[in-house]
Amino acid sequence: MALLEPEERELVDFIYGAIPAEDRGALTADDILFVLDAMDDYLEEQGLVRVDEETGEMEYLDGEVDETEQLNYVLAAAKEDKRTITGVQIQLIQDAELQFGIQKGYYAEE
């Protein structure tokens, strides 16, 4: 796993800690990063994120995310990458990422 920026490390640690031990299985920080990247890929395909080609900075746009569709997208990406991440683990990562974003003020609580 590559070195992470401090905020990325904080996010991964938060997510890992939010997943109950019985649901973690062999889940690694690399798996969590894979899921987060796949979630962003889904958002980009849906037109909900814009990436500055020069800086690589991402701008999240307003819009609704179909969490089931995103889950299926991430599951397909994981299968293609031959990862053993379960749908439950992906959902837990999605939920923890949302909670982290709410705590940081990135997302409004619904």
PDB file of N, CA and C in Angstrom:
ATOM      1  N   MET A   1       0.845  -1.180   0.000  1.00  0.00           N
ATOM      2  CA  MET A   1       0.000   0.000   0.000  1.00  0.00           C
ATOM      3  C   MET A   1       0.886   1.238   0.000  1.00  0.00           C
ATOM      4  N   ALA A   2       0.519   2.181  -0.822  1.00  0.00           N
ATOM      5  CA  ALA A   2       1.278   3.428  -0.925  1.00  0.00           C
ATOM      6  C   ALA A   2       1.117   4.248   0.358  1.00  0.00           C
ATOM      7  N   LEU A   3       2.042   5.166   0.546  1.00  0.00           N
ATOM      8  CA  LEU A   3       1.920   6.080   1.683  1.00  0.00           C
ATOM      9  C   LEU A   3       0.691   6.950   1.494  1.00  0.00           C
ATOM     10  N   LEU A   4      -0.025   7.153   2.567  1.00  0.00           N
ATOM     11  CA  LEU A   4      -1.257   7.923   2.503  1.00  0.00           C
ATOM     12  C   LEU A   4      -1.048   9.311   3.064  1.00  0.00           C
ATOM     13  N   GLU A   5      -1.812  10.240   2.522  1.00  0.00           N
ATOM     14  CA  GLU A   5      -1.884  11.572   3.101  1.00  0.00           C
ATOM     15  C   GLU A   5      -2.520  11.428   4.486  1.00  0.00           C
ATOM     16  N   PRO A   6      -2.243  12.353   5.400  1.00  0.00           N
ATOM     17  CA  PRO A   6      -2.807  12.224   6.760  1.00  0.00           C
ATOM     18  C   PRO A   6      -4.329  12.064   6.786  1.00  0.00           C
ATOM     19  N   GLU A   7      -5.043  12.815   5.967  1.00  0.00           N
ATOM     20  CA  GLU A   7      -6.504  12.708   5.991  1.00  0.00           C
ATOM     21  C   GLU A   7      -6.970  11.376   5.421  1.00  0.00           C
ATOM     22  N   GLU A   8      -6.273  10.855   4.414  1.00  0.00           N
ATOM     23  CA  GLU A   8      -6.609   9.535   3.882  1.00  0.00           C
ATOM     24  C   GLU A   8      -6.398   8.463   4.953  1.00  0.00           C
ATOM     25  N   ARG A   9      -5.300   8.562   5.679  1.00  0.00           N
ATOM     26  CA  ARG A   9      -5.005   7.607   6.751  1.00  0.00           C
ATOM     27  C   ARG A   9      -6.085   7.694   7.820  1.00  0.00           C
ATOM     28  N   GLU A  10      -6.500   8.926   8.168  1.00  0.00           N
ATOM     29  CA  GLU A  10      -7.550   9.108   9.167  1.00  0.00           C
ATOM     30  C   GLU A  10      -8.851   8.452   8.703  1.00  0.00           C
ATOM     31  N   LEU A  11      -9.187   8.630   7.424  1.00  0.00           N
ATOM     32  CA  LEU A  11     -10.406   8.043   6.867  1.00  0.00           C
ATOM     33  C   LEU A  11     -10.334   6.518   6.913  1.00  0.00           C
ATOM     34  N   VAL A  12      -9.236   5.948   6.452  1.00  0.00           N
ATOM     35  CA  VAL A  12      -9.091   4.490   6.445  1.00  0.00           C
ATOM     36  C   VAL A  12      -9.164   3.943   7.866  1.00  0.00           C
ATOM     37  N   ASP A  13      -8.470   4.592   8.800  1.00  0.00           N
ATOM     38  CA  ASP A  13      -8.499   4.149  10.196  1.00  0.00           C
ATOM     39  C   ASP A  13      -9.915   4.242  10.772  1.00  0.00           C
ATOM     40  N   PHE A  14     -10.625   5.322  10.447  1.00  0.00           N
ATOM     41  CA  PHE A  14     -11.999   5.496  10.920  1.00  0.00           C
ATOM     42  C   PHE A  14     -12.878   4.371  10.387  1.00  0.00           C
ATOM     43  N   ILE A  15     -12.781   4.111   9.091  1.00  0.00           N
ATOM     44  CA  ILE A  15     -13.610   3.070   8.469  1.00  0.00           C
ATOM     45  C   ILE A  15     -13.291   1.709   9.077  1.00  0.00           C
ATOM     46  N   TYR A  16     -12.017   1.394   9.174  1.00  0.00           N
ATOM     47  CA  TYR A  16     -11.616   0.095   9.724  1.00  0.00           C
ATOM     48  C   TYR A  16     -12.155  -0.080  11.146  1.00  0.00           C
ATOM     49  N   GLY A  17     -12.053   0.972  11.941  1.00  0.00           N
ATOM     50  CA  GLY A  17     -12.547   0.922  13.307  1.00  0.00           C
ATOM     51  C   GLY A  17     -14.058   0.858  13.412  1.00  0.00           C
ATOM     52  N   ALA A  18     -14.753   1.349  12.393  1.00  0.00           N
ATOM     53  CA  ALA A  18     -16.218   1.359  12.415  1.00  0.00           C
ATOM     54  C   ALA A  18     -16.815   0.009  12.025  1.00  0.00           C
ATOM     55  N   ILE A  19     -16.030  -0.836  11.390  1.00  0.00           N
ATOM     56  CA  ILE A  19     -16.529  -2.134  10.957  1.00  0.00           C
ATOM     57  C   ILE A  19     -16.367  -3.129  12.108  1.00  0.00           C
ATOM     58  N   PRO A  20     -17.474  -3.739  12.528  1.00  0.00           N
ATOM     59  CA  PRO A  20     -17.376  -4.719  13.618  1.00  0.00           C
ATOM     60  C   PRO A  20     -16.386  -5.833  13.266  1.00  0.00           C
ATOM     61  N   ALA A  21     -15.658  -6.296  14.259  1.00  0.00           N
ATOM     62  CA  ALA A  21     -14.625  -7.314  14.045  1.00  0.00           C
ATOM     63  C   ALA A  21     -15.177  -8.538  13.319  1.00  0.00           C
ATOM     64  N   GLU A  22     -16.390  -8.941  13.653  1.00  0.00           N
ATOM     65  CA  GLU A  22     -16.961 -10.136  13.011  1.00  0.00           C
ATOM     66  C   GLU A  22     -17.259  -9.927  11.528  1.00  0.00           C
ATOM     67  N   ASP A  23     -17.355  -8.677  11.085  1.00  0.00           N
ATOM     68  CA  ASP A  23     -17.609  -8.382   9.671  1.00  0.00           C
ATOM     69  C   ASP A  23     -16.334  -8.050   8.896  1.00  0.00           C
ATOM     70  N   ARG A  24     -15.243  -7.820   9.606  1.00  0.00           N
ATOM     71  CA  ARG A  24     -13.991  -7.441   8.941  1.00  0.00           C
ATOM     72  C   ARG A  24     -13.387  -8.580   8.140  1.00  0.00           C
ATOM     73  N   GLY A  25     -13.375  -9.777   8.718  1.00  0.00           N
ATOM     74  CA  GLY A  25     -12.733 -10.898   8.042  1.00  0.00           C
ATOM     75  C   GLY A  25     -11.292 -10.545   7.743  1.00  0.00           C
ATOM     76  N   ALA A  26     -10.877 -10.776   6.515  1.00  0.00           N
ATOM     77  CA  ALA A  26      -9.499 -10.497   6.094  1.00  0.00           C
ATOM     78  C   ALA A  26      -9.374  -9.116   5.447  1.00  0.00           C
ATOM     79  N   LEU A  27     -10.345  -8.254   5.690  1.00  0.00           N
ATOM     80  CA  LEU A  27     -10.354  -6.917   5.100  1.00  0.00           C
ATOM     81  C   LEU A  27      -9.097  -6.140   5.491  1.00  0.00           C
ATOM     82  N   THR A  28      -8.458  -5.535   4.500  1.00  0.00           N
ATOM     83  CA  THR A  28      -7.233  -4.765   4.736  1.00  0.00           C
ATOM     84  C   THR A  28      -7.454  -3.301   4.392  1.00  0.00           C
ATOM     85  N   ALA A  29      -6.503  -2.478   4.770  1.00  0.00           N
ATOM     86  CA  ALA A  29      -6.549  -1.059   4.404  1.00  0.00           C
ATOM     87  C   ALA A  29      -6.548  -0.910   2.887  1.00  0.00           C
ATOM     88  N   ASP A  30      -5.812  -1.777   2.201  1.00  0.00           N
ATOM     89  CA  ASP A  30      -5.782  -1.748   0.737  1.00  0.00           C
ATOM     90  C   ASP A  30      -7.170  -2.032   0.163  1.00  0.00           C
ATOM     91  N   ASP A  31      -7.898  -2.969   0.779  1.00  0.00           N
ATOM     92  CA  ASP A  31      -9.264  -3.260   0.333  1.00  0.00           C
ATOM     93  C   ASP A  31     -10.164  -2.039   0.521  1.00  0.00           C
ATOM     94  N   ILE A  32     -10.014  -1.369   1.660  1.00  0.00           N
ATOM     95  CA  ILE A  32     -10.819  -0.172   1.926  1.00  0.00           C
ATOM     96  C   ILE A  32     -10.522   0.896   0.878  1.00  0.00           C
ATOM     97  N   LEU A  33      -9.255   1.112   0.579  1.00  0.00           N
ATOM     98  CA  LEU A  33      -8.888   2.093  -0.448  1.00  0.00           C
ATOM     99  C   LEU A  33      -9.437   1.703  -1.807  1.00  0.00           C
ATOM    100  N   PHE A  34      -9.412   0.419  -2.121  1.00  0.00           N
ATOM    101  CA  PHE A  34      -9.971  -0.056  -3.388  1.00  0.00           C
ATOM    102  C   PHE A  34     -11.454   0.305  -3.478  1.00  0.00           C
ATOM    103  N   VAL A  35     -12.193   0.024  -2.399  1.00  0.00           N
ATOM    104  CA  VAL A  35     -13.633   0.323  -2.384  1.00  0.00           C
ATOM    105  C   VAL A  35     -13.865   1.823  -2.525  1.00  0.00           C
ATOM    106  N   LEU A  36     -13.113   2.633  -1.799  1.00  0.00           N
ATOM    107  CA  LEU A  36     -13.270   4.091  -1.902  1.00  0.00           C
ATOM    108  C   LEU A  36     -12.982   4.578  -3.317  1.00  0.00           C
ATOM    109  N   ASP A  37     -11.948   4.043  -3.937  1.00  0.00           N
ATOM    110  CA  ASP A  37     -11.627   4.424  -5.323  1.00  0.00           C
ATOM    111  C   ASP A  37     -12.738   3.999  -6.278  1.00  0.00           C
ATOM    112  N   ALA A  38     -13.263   2.791  -6.091  1.00  0.00           N
ATOM    113  CA  ALA A  38     -14.348   2.311  -6.946  1.00  0.00           C
ATOM    114  C   ALA A  38     -15.607   3.154  -6.746  1.00  0.00           C
ATOM    115  N   MET A  39     -15.861   3.577  -5.503  1.00  0.00           N
ATOM    116  CA  MET A  39     -17.005   4.456  -5.242  1.00  0.00           C
ATOM    117  C   MET A  39     -16.839   5.766  -6.015  1.00  0.00           C
ATOM    118  N   ASP A  40     -15.625   6.322  -6.005  1.00  0.00           N
ATOM    119  CA  ASP A  40     -15.364   7.552  -6.760  1.00  0.00           C
ATOM    120  C   ASP A  40     -15.488   7.321  -8.264  1.00  0.00           C
ATOM    121  N   ASP A  41     -15.041   6.170  -8.743  1.00  0.00           N
ATOM    122  CA  ASP A  41     -15.184   5.849 -10.169  1.00  0.00           C
ATOM    123  C   ASP A  41     -16.652   5.830 -10.565  1.00  0.00           C
ATOM    124  N   TYR A  42     -17.476   5.245  -9.701  1.00  0.00           N
ATOM    125  CA  TYR A  42     -18.912   5.218  -9.952  1.00  0.00           C
ATOM    126  C   TYR A  42     -19.466   6.645 -10.033  1.00  0.00           C
ATOM    127  N   LEU A  43     -19.087   7.474  -9.063  1.00  0.00           N
ATOM    128  CA  LEU A  43     -19.567   8.856  -9.051  1.00  0.00           C
ATOM    129  C   LEU A  43     -19.134   9.605 -10.311  1.00  0.00           C
ATOM    130  N   GLU A  44     -17.908   9.354 -10.742  1.00  0.00           N
ATOM    131  CA  GLU A  44     -17.414  10.015 -11.950  1.00  0.00           C
ATOM    132  C   GLU A  44     -18.223   9.572 -13.171  1.00  0.00           C
ATOM    133  N   GLU A  45     -18.499   8.277 -13.271  1.00  0.00           N
ATOM    134  CA  GLU A  45     -19.305   7.772 -14.387  1.00  0.00           C
ATOM    135  C   GLU A  45     -20.716   8.351 -14.372  1.00  0.00           C
ATOM    136  N   GLN A  46     -21.243   8.632 -13.194  1.00  0.00           N
ATOM    137  CA  GLN A  46     -22.591   9.185 -13.057  1.00  0.00           C
ATOM    138  C   GLN A  46     -22.621  10.704 -13.220  1.00  0.00           C
ATOM    139  N   GLY A  47     -21.458  11.310 -13.429  1.00  0.00           N
ATOM    140  CA  GLY A  47     -21.398  12.759 -13.583  1.00  0.00           C
ATOM    141  C   GLY A  47     -21.528  13.507 -12.272  1.00  0.00           C
ATOM    142  N   LEU A  48     -21.222  12.839 -11.152  1.00  0.00           N
ATOM    143  CA  LEU A  48     -21.367  13.458  -9.842  1.00  0.00           C
ATOM    144  C   LEU A  48     -20.039  13.929  -9.259  1.00  0.00           C
ATOM    145  N   VAL A  49     -18.978  13.791 -10.032  1.00  0.00           N
ATOM    146  CA  VAL A  49     -17.672  14.266  -9.603  1.00  0.00           C
ATOM    147  C   VAL A  49     -16.927  14.737 -10.851  1.00  0.00           C
ATOM    148  N   ARG A  50     -16.148  15.774 -10.650  1.00  0.00           N
ATOM    149  CA  ARG A  50     -15.331  16.306 -11.742  1.00  0.00           C
ATOM    150  C   ARG A  50     -13.878  16.244 -11.273  1.00  0.00           C
ATOM    151  N   VAL A  51     -13.008  15.747 -12.156  1.00  0.00           N
ATOM    152  CA  VAL A  51     -11.597  15.621 -11.818  1.00  0.00           C
ATOM    153  C   VAL A  51     -10.806  16.613 -12.662  1.00  0.00           C
ATOM    154  N   ASP A  52     -10.005  17.439 -12.003  1.00  0.00           N
ATOM    155  CA  ASP A  52      -9.115  18.362 -12.707  1.00  0.00           C
ATOM    156  C   ASP A  52      -7.957  17.529 -13.249  1.00  0.00           C
ATOM    157  N   GLU A  53      -7.851  17.458 -14.563  1.00  0.00           N
ATOM    158  CA  GLU A  53      -6.843  16.611 -15.203  1.00  0.00           C
ATOM    159  C   GLU A  53      -5.418  17.023 -14.861  1.00  0.00           C
ATOM    160  N   GLU A  54      -5.196  18.292 -14.608  1.00  0.00           N
ATOM    161  CA  GLU A  54      -3.844  18.772 -14.299  1.00  0.00           C
ATOM    162  C   GLU A  54      -3.432  18.489 -12.863  1.00  0.00           C
ATOM    163  N   THR A  55      -4.344  18.720 -11.915  1.00  0.00           N
ATOM    164  CA  THR A  55      -3.990  18.584 -10.503  1.00  0.00           C
ATOM    165  C   THR A  55      -4.444  17.258  -9.887  1.00  0.00           C
ATOM    166  N   GLY A  56      -5.422  16.618 -10.527  1.00  0.00           N
ATOM    167  CA  GLY A  56      -5.983  15.398  -9.967  1.00  0.00           C
ATOM    168  C   GLY A  56      -6.993  15.656  -8.866  1.00  0.00           C
ATOM    169  N   GLU A  57      -7.246  16.931  -8.559  1.00  0.00           N
ATOM    170  CA  GLU A  57      -8.214  17.287  -7.517  1.00  0.00           C
ATOM    171  C   GLU A  57      -9.624  16.914  -7.977  1.00  0.00           C
ATOM    172  N   MET A  58     -10.405  16.404  -7.013  1.00  0.00           N
ATOM    173  CA  MET A  58     -11.782  16.013  -7.305  1.00  0.00           C
ATOM    174  C   MET A  58     -12.743  17.024  -6.717  1.00  0.00           C
ATOM    175  N   GLU A  59     -13.754  17.356  -7.495  1.00  0.00           N
ATOM    176  CA  GLU A  59     -14.829  18.225  -7.024  1.00  0.00           C
ATOM    177  C   GLU A  59     -16.118  17.422  -7.076  1.00  0.00           C
ATOM    178  N   TYR A  60     -16.729  17.224  -5.908  1.00  0.00           N
ATOM    179  CA  TYR A  60     -17.981  16.479  -5.834  1.00  0.00           C
ATOM    180  C   TYR A  60     -19.129  17.413  -6.140  1.00  0.00           C
ATOM    181  N   LEU A  61     -20.014  16.972  -7.022  1.00  0.00           N
ATOM    182  CA  LEU A  61     -21.134  17.783  -7.471  1.00  0.00           C
ATOM    183  C   LEU A  61     -22.406  17.335  -6.763  1.00  0.00           C
ATOM    184  N   ASP A  62     -23.378  18.230  -6.707  1.00  0.00           N
ATOM    185  CA  ASP A  62     -24.653  17.885  -6.090  1.00  0.00           C
ATOM    186  C   ASP A  62     -25.377  16.858  -6.941  1.00  0.00           C
ATOM    187  N   GLY A  63     -26.063  15.969  -6.272  1.00  0.00           N
ATOM    188  CA  GLY A  63     -26.850  14.955  -6.961  1.00  0.00           C
ATOM    189  C   GLY A  63     -27.109  13.778  -6.037  1.00  0.00           C
ATOM    190  N   GLU A  64     -28.035  12.958  -6.436  1.00  0.00           N
ATOM    191  CA  GLU A  64     -28.412  11.787  -5.649  1.00  0.00           C
ATOM    192  C   GLU A  64     -27.570  10.585  -6.069  1.00  0.00           C
ATOM    193  N   VAL A  65     -27.138   9.829  -5.077  1.00  0.00           N
ATOM    194  CA  VAL A  65     -26.379   8.610  -5.326  1.00  0.00           C
ATOM    195  C   VAL A  65     -27.290   7.427  -5.037  1.00  0.00           C
ATOM    196  N   ASP A  66     -27.441   6.540  -6.017  1.00  0.00           N
ATOM    197  CA  ASP A  66     -28.178   5.300  -5.823  1.00  0.00           C
ATOM    198  C   ASP A  66     -27.211   4.323  -5.160  1.00  0.00           C
ATOM    199  N   GLU A  67     -27.357   4.151  -3.842  1.00  0.00           N
ATOM    200  CA  GLU A  67     -26.398   3.342  -3.086  1.00  0.00           C
ATOM    201  C   GLU A  67     -26.396   1.879  -3.519  1.00  0.00           C
ATOM    202  N   THR A  68     -27.562   1.347  -3.927  1.00  0.00           N
ATOM    203  CA  THR A  68     -27.616  -0.039  -4.396  1.00  0.00           C
ATOM    204  C   THR A  68     -26.856  -0.178  -5.709  1.00  0.00           C
ATOM    205  N   GLU A  69     -27.057   0.775  -6.598  1.00  0.00           N
ATOM    206  CA  GLU A  69     -26.347   0.764  -7.875  1.00  0.00           C
ATOM    207  C   GLU A  69     -24.837   0.916  -7.647  1.00  0.00           C
ATOM    208  N   GLN A  70     -24.471   1.787  -6.726  1.00  0.00           N
ATOM    209  CA  GLN A  70     -23.057   1.979  -6.411  1.00  0.00           C
ATOM    210  C   GLN A  70     -22.473   0.692  -5.807  1.00  0.00           C
ATOM    211  N   LEU A  71     -23.215   0.047  -4.919  1.00  0.00           N
ATOM    212  CA  LEU A  71     -22.779  -1.212  -4.328  1.00  0.00           C
ATOM    213  C   LEU A  71     -22.533  -2.251  -5.417  1.00  0.00           C
ATOM    214  N   ASN A  72     -23.474  -2.391  -6.338  1.00  0.00           N
ATOM    215  CA  ASN A  72     -23.310  -3.362  -7.425  1.00  0.00           C
ATOM    216  C   ASN A  72     -22.111  -3.028  -8.299  1.00  0.00           C
ATOM    217  N   TYR A  73     -21.882  -1.759  -8.537  1.00  0.00           N
ATOM    218  CA  TYR A  73     -20.721  -1.311  -9.314  1.00  0.00           C
ATOM    219  C   TYR A  73     -19.425  -1.718  -8.613  1.00  0.00           C
ATOM    220  N   VAL A  74     -19.355  -1.456  -7.302  1.00  0.00           N
ATOM    221  CA  VAL A  74     -18.148  -1.782  -6.539  1.00  0.00           C
ATOM    222  C   VAL A  74     -17.954  -3.295  -6.462  1.00  0.00           C
ATOM    223  N   LEU A  75     -19.044  -4.048  -6.267  1.00  0.00           N
ATOM    224  CA  LEU A  75     -18.948  -5.511  -6.242  1.00  0.00           C
ATOM    225  C   LEU A  75     -18.380  -6.047  -7.556  1.00  0.00           C
ATOM    226  N   ALA A  76     -18.865  -5.506  -8.680  1.00  0.00           N
ATOM    227  CA  ALA A  76     -18.368  -5.939  -9.990  1.00  0.00           C
ATOM    228  C   ALA A  76     -16.886  -5.597 -10.143  1.00  0.00           C
ATOM    229  N   ALA A  77     -16.493  -4.409  -9.694  1.00  0.00           N
ATOM    230  CA  ALA A  77     -15.085  -4.008  -9.771  1.00  0.00           C
ATOM    231  C   ALA A  77     -14.222  -4.914  -8.906  1.00  0.00           C
ATOM    232  N   ALA A  78     -14.710  -5.265  -7.716  1.00  0.00           N
ATOM    233  CA  ALA A  78     -13.961  -6.140  -6.810  1.00  0.00           C
ATOM    234  C   ALA A  78     -13.810  -7.531  -7.412  1.00  0.00           C
ATOM    235  N   LYS A  79     -14.873  -8.024  -8.007  1.00  0.00           N
ATOM    236  CA  LYS A  79     -14.820  -9.348  -8.638  1.00  0.00           C
ATOM    237  C   LYS A  79     -13.811  -9.343  -9.786  1.00  0.00           C
ATOM    238  N   GLU A  80     -13.859  -8.286 -10.591  1.00  0.00           N
ATOM    239  CA  GLU A  80     -12.934  -8.163 -11.717  1.00  0.00           C
ATOM    240  C   GLU A  80     -11.479  -8.116 -11.231  1.00  0.00           C
ATOM    241  N   ASP A  81     -11.269  -7.497 -10.062  1.00  0.00           N
ATOM    242  CA  ASP A  81      -9.925  -7.373  -9.487  1.00  0.00           C
ATOM    243  C   ASP A  81      -9.556  -8.606  -8.637  1.00  0.00           C
ATOM    244  N   LYS A  82     -10.461  -9.586  -8.636  1.00  0.00           N
ATOM    245  CA  LYS A  82     -10.265 -10.840  -7.887  1.00  0.00           C
ATOM    246  C   LYS A  82     -10.101 -10.617  -6.381  1.00  0.00           C
ATOM    247  N   ARG A  83     -10.866  -9.679  -5.854  1.00  0.00           N
ATOM    248  CA  ARG A  83     -10.879  -9.415  -4.408  1.00  0.00           C
ATOM    249  C   ARG A  83     -12.017 -10.210  -3.777  1.00  0.00           C
ATOM    250  N   THR A  84     -11.858 -10.524  -2.517  1.00  0.00           N
ATOM    251  CA  THR A  84     -12.860 -11.322  -1.813  1.00  0.00           C
ATOM    252  C   THR A  84     -13.719 -10.466  -0.885  1.00  0.00           C
ATOM    253  N   ILE A  85     -13.900  -9.221  -1.228  1.00  0.00           N
ATOM    254  CA  ILE A  85     -14.723  -8.305  -0.436  1.00  0.00           C
ATOM    255  C   ILE A  85     -16.189  -8.690  -0.618  1.00  0.00           C
ATOM    256  N   THR A  86     -16.925  -8.717   0.487  1.00  0.00           N
ATOM    257  CA  THR A  86     -18.340  -9.064   0.412  1.00  0.00           C
ATOM    258  C   THR A  86     -19.198  -7.807   0.254  1.00  0.00           C
ATOM    259  N   GLY A  87     -20.431  -8.022  -0.144  1.00  0.00           N
ATOM    260  CA  GLY A  87     -21.376  -6.918  -0.240  1.00  0.00           C
ATOM    261  C   GLY A  87     -21.601  -6.252   1.101  1.00  0.00           C
ATOM    262  N   VAL A  88     -21.630  -7.044   2.166  1.00  0.00           N
ATOM    263  CA  VAL A  88     -21.803  -6.494   3.515  1.00  0.00           C
ATOM    264  C   VAL A  88     -20.625  -5.583   3.856  1.00  0.00           C
ATOM    265  N   GLN A  89     -19.414  -6.032   3.556  1.00  0.00           N
ATOM    266  CA  GLN A  89     -18.234  -5.209   3.844  1.00  0.00           C
ATOM    267  C   GLN A  89     -18.277  -3.900   3.055  1.00  0.00           C
ATOM    268  N   ILE A  90     -18.684  -3.978   1.801  1.00  0.00           N
ATOM    269  CA  ILE A  90     -18.776  -2.763   0.988  1.00  0.00           C
ATOM    270  C   ILE A  90     -19.810  -1.812   1.580  1.00  0.00           C
ATOM    271  N   GLN A  91     -20.954  -2.340   1.985  1.00  0.00           N
ATOM    272  CA  GLN A  91     -21.978  -1.490   2.595  1.00  0.00           C
ATOM    273  C   GLN A  91     -21.470  -0.848   3.877  1.00  0.00           C
ATOM    274  N   LEU A  92     -20.744  -1.610   4.675  1.00  0.00           N
ATOM    275  CA  LEU A  92     -20.196  -1.056   5.910  1.00  0.00           C
ATOM    276  C   LEU A  92     -19.174   0.038   5.616  1.00  0.00           C
ATOM    277  N   ILE A  93     -18.383  -0.143   4.571  1.00  0.00           N
ATOM    278  CA  ILE A  93     -17.417   0.890   4.167  1.00  0.00           C
ATOM    279  C   ILE A  93     -18.165   2.125   3.683  1.00  0.00           C
ATOM    280  N   GLN A  94     -19.208   1.935   2.868  1.00  0.00           N
ATOM    281  CA  GLN A  94     -20.013   3.065   2.403  1.00  0.00           C
ATOM    282  C   GLN A  94     -20.589   3.836   3.592  1.00  0.00           C
ATOM    283  N   ASP A  95     -21.175   3.105   4.535  1.00  0.00           N
ATOM    284  CA  ASP A  95     -21.797   3.745   5.704  1.00  0.00           C
ATOM    285  C   ASP A  95     -20.765   4.496   6.543  1.00  0.00           C
ATOM    286  N   ALA A  96     -19.604   3.873   6.760  1.00  0.00           N
ATOM    287  CA  ALA A  96     -18.559   4.510   7.576  1.00  0.00           C
ATOM    288  C   ALA A  96     -17.992   5.735   6.878  1.00  0.00           C
ATOM    289  N   GLU A  97     -17.846   5.662   5.549  1.00  0.00           N
ATOM    290  CA  GLU A  97     -17.341   6.822   4.796  1.00  0.00           C
ATOM    291  C   GLU A  97     -18.323   7.978   4.925  1.00  0.00           C
ATOM    292  N   LEU A  98     -19.613   7.680   4.871  1.00  0.00           N
ATOM    293  CA  LEU A  98     -20.637   8.712   5.026  1.00  0.00           C
ATOM    294  C   LEU A  98     -20.568   9.325   6.421  1.00  0.00           C
ATOM    295  N   GLN A  99     -20.450   8.494   7.448  1.00  0.00           N
ATOM    296  CA  GLN A  99     -20.362   9.007   8.821  1.00  0.00           C
ATOM    297  C   GLN A  99     -19.125   9.874   9.017  1.00  0.00           C
ATOM    298  N   PHE A 100     -18.012   9.458   8.429  1.00  0.00           N
ATOM    299  CA  PHE A 100     -16.785  10.249   8.500  1.00  0.00           C
ATOM    300  C   PHE A 100     -17.017  11.616   7.846  1.00  0.00           C
ATOM    301  N   GLY A 101     -17.646  11.606   6.678  1.00  0.00           N
ATOM    302  CA  GLY A 101     -17.925  12.851   5.965  1.00  0.00           C
ATOM    303  C   GLY A 101     -18.859  13.769   6.725  1.00  0.00           C
ATOM    304  N   ILE A 102     -19.840  13.186   7.400  1.00  0.00           N
ATOM    305  CA  ILE A 102     -20.760  13.991   8.215  1.00  0.00           C
ATOM    306  C   ILE A 102     -20.004  14.615   9.381  1.00  0.00           C
ATOM    307  N   GLN A 103     -19.177  13.811  10.050  1.00  0.00           N
ATOM    308  CA  GLN A 103     -18.398  14.331  11.182  1.00  0.00           C
ATOM    309  C   GLN A 103     -17.463  15.446  10.763  1.00  0.00           C
ATOM    310  N   LYS A 104     -16.904  15.331   9.562  1.00  0.00           N
ATOM    311  CA  LYS A 104     -15.948  16.342   9.064  1.00  0.00           C
ATOM    312  C   LYS A 104     -16.654  17.543   8.447  1.00  0.00           C
ATOM    313  N   GLY A 105     -17.980  17.442   8.267  1.00  0.00           N
ATOM    314  CA  GLY A 105     -18.729  18.540   7.665  1.00  0.00           C
ATOM    315  C   GLY A 105     -18.740  18.528   6.145  1.00  0.00           C
ATOM    316  N   TYR A 106     -18.297  17.423   5.539  1.00  0.00           N
ATOM    317  CA  TYR A 106     -18.313  17.313   4.076  1.00  0.00           C
ATOM    318  C   TYR A 106     -19.714  17.063   3.558  1.00  0.00           C
ATOM    319  N   TYR A 107     -20.523  16.360   4.346  1.00  0.00           N
ATOM    320  CA  TYR A 107     -21.874  16.005   3.944  1.00  0.00           C
ATOM    321  C   TYR A 107     -22.847  16.541   4.981  1.00  0.00           C
ATOM    322  N   ALA A 108     -24.035  16.870   4.516  1.00  0.00           N
ATOM    323  CA  ALA A 108     -25.105  17.256   5.432  1.00  0.00           C
ATOM    324  C   ALA A 108     -25.771  15.983   5.913  1.00  0.00           C
ATOM    325  N   GLU A 109     -26.137  15.953   7.182  1.00  0.00           N
ATOM    326  CA  GLU A 109     -26.824  14.788   7.725  1.00  0.00           C
ATOM    327  C   GLU A 109     -28.247  14.788   7.175  1.00  0.00           C
ATOM    328  N   GLU A 110     -28.682  13.626   6.695  1.00  0.00           N
ATOM    329  CA  GLU A 110     -30.027  13.537   6.090  1.00  0.00           C
ATOM    330  C   GLU A 110     -31.078  13.250   7.121  1.00  0.00           C
TER     331      GLU A 110
END
